[in-house]
Protein backbone atom coordinates (compact mmCIF):
# COMPACT_ATOMS: atom_id res chain seq x y z
CA MET A 1 74.77 88.21 -10.11
CA ALA A 2 72.41 85.65 -11.71
CA LYS A 3 72.52 85.42 -15.37
CA GLY A 4 69.11 86.47 -17.22
CA TYR A 5 67.89 85.63 -20.44
CA THR A 6 68.77 89.04 -22.37
CA ASN A 7 71.77 91.48 -21.95
CA GLU A 8 69.29 94.34 -20.83
CA GLY A 9 69.45 93.85 -17.28
CA THR A 10 66.95 92.43 -14.72
CA LYS A 11 64.35 95.62 -14.43
CA TRP A 12 63.91 95.59 -18.17
CA GLU A 13 63.16 91.63 -18.07
CA PHE A 14 60.96 91.95 -15.02
CA ALA A 15 59.09 95.06 -16.98
CA HIS A 16 58.72 92.98 -20.43
CA SER A 17 57.85 89.80 -18.36
CA PHE A 18 54.93 91.37 -16.54
CA TRP A 19 52.42 89.37 -18.67
CA LEU A 20 53.17 86.26 -16.61
CA VAL A 21 51.26 87.77 -13.49
CA PHE A 22 48.10 86.82 -15.76
CA THR A 23 48.66 82.91 -15.65
CA TRP A 24 48.93 83.13 -11.75
CA VAL A 25 45.32 84.32 -11.67
CA PRO A 26 43.16 81.56 -9.96
CA PHE A 27 42.02 78.51 -12.11
CA GLY A 28 43.62 80.29 -15.42
CA PHE A 29 40.99 83.12 -15.88
CA LEU A 30 43.33 85.14 -17.43
CA SER A 31 46.01 82.77 -18.76
CA TRP A 32 44.42 83.31 -22.30
CA PHE A 33 45.05 86.85 -22.05
CA ALA A 34 48.99 86.33 -21.23
CA PHE A 35 49.15 84.65 -24.48
CA ILE A 36 47.30 86.70 -26.55
CA TYR A 37 49.13 89.74 -25.36
CA ILE A 38 52.38 88.16 -26.11
CA ALA A 39 51.38 86.93 -29.33
CA ALA A 40 50.41 90.66 -30.29
CA ARG A 41 53.82 91.75 -29.09
CA THR A 42 55.80 89.35 -30.73
CA LYS A 43 53.47 88.59 -33.99
CA GLN A 44 53.83 85.01 -33.26
CA ARG A 45 50.75 82.99 -34.07
CA LYS A 46 51.50 80.09 -32.10
CA TRP A 47 50.95 81.89 -28.81
CA LEU A 48 47.62 83.42 -30.41
CA TYR A 49 46.38 79.79 -30.82
CA ALA A 50 47.54 79.10 -27.14
CA GLY A 51 45.67 81.87 -26.08
CA ILE A 52 42.56 80.85 -28.04
CA GLY A 53 42.90 77.24 -26.40
CA TYR A 54 43.02 78.46 -23.04
CA ALA A 55 40.18 80.66 -23.38
CA ALA A 56 38.29 77.86 -24.63
CA ALA A 57 38.76 76.14 -21.46
CA VAL A 58 37.43 78.97 -19.45
CA LEU A 59 34.49 79.50 -21.52
CA LEU A 60 33.77 75.62 -21.22
CA ALA A 61 33.89 75.75 -17.72
CA ALA A 62 31.54 79.29 -17.63
CA PHE A 63 29.20 77.42 -20.14
CA THR A 64 28.82 74.00 -18.24
CA ALA A 65 27.78 75.99 -15.10
CA ARG A 66 24.65 74.20 -13.54
CA THR A 67 24.87 71.07 -15.93
CA PHE A 68 26.23 67.38 -15.08
CA LEU A 69 29.56 68.22 -16.81
CA PHE A 70 30.50 71.48 -14.71
CA ASP A 71 32.65 69.09 -12.28
CA LEU A 72 34.60 67.72 -15.40
CA ALA A 73 34.94 70.90 -16.86
CA MET A 74 36.65 72.50 -13.55
CA LYS A 75 38.97 69.51 -13.36
CA ALA A 76 39.94 70.29 -16.69
CA LEU A 77 40.33 73.97 -16.40
CA LEU A 78 42.52 73.23 -13.15
CA ILE A 79 44.80 71.17 -15.23
CA VAL A 80 44.78 73.72 -18.29
CA TRP A 81 45.72 76.31 -15.98
CA ILE A 82 48.67 74.53 -14.18
CA ILE A 83 50.14 73.49 -17.97
CA SER A 84 49.65 77.30 -19.07
CA ILE A 85 52.12 78.19 -16.17
CA ILE A 86 54.46 75.71 -17.15
CA HIS A 87 54.03 76.78 -20.69
CA ALA A 88 54.53 80.80 -20.16
CA PHE A 89 57.91 79.97 -18.35
CA LYS A 90 59.02 77.93 -21.15
CA THR A 91 57.89 80.61 -23.48
CA ARG A 92 59.73 83.32 -21.48
CA ALA A 93 62.92 81.70 -22.29
């Protein structure tokens, strides 16, 4: 049996790690929600700030639509999405 992060059991860990699913939504459109959710659950400001940063990346891409900056914003959003997934798994530990 694989060792989990806590002594609560695999079912408990899966139920309390469901917020990770939001980071897998394409292009990180909901990564910000995952971090704001865990910030609210744990009262950690660092995750709130991370969630605000990820939301800013999504908004930047949304507000640059139909401009010459859109391609750059979408590339940045793709990079931020990958970073948010890695950040989420490091946060879970």
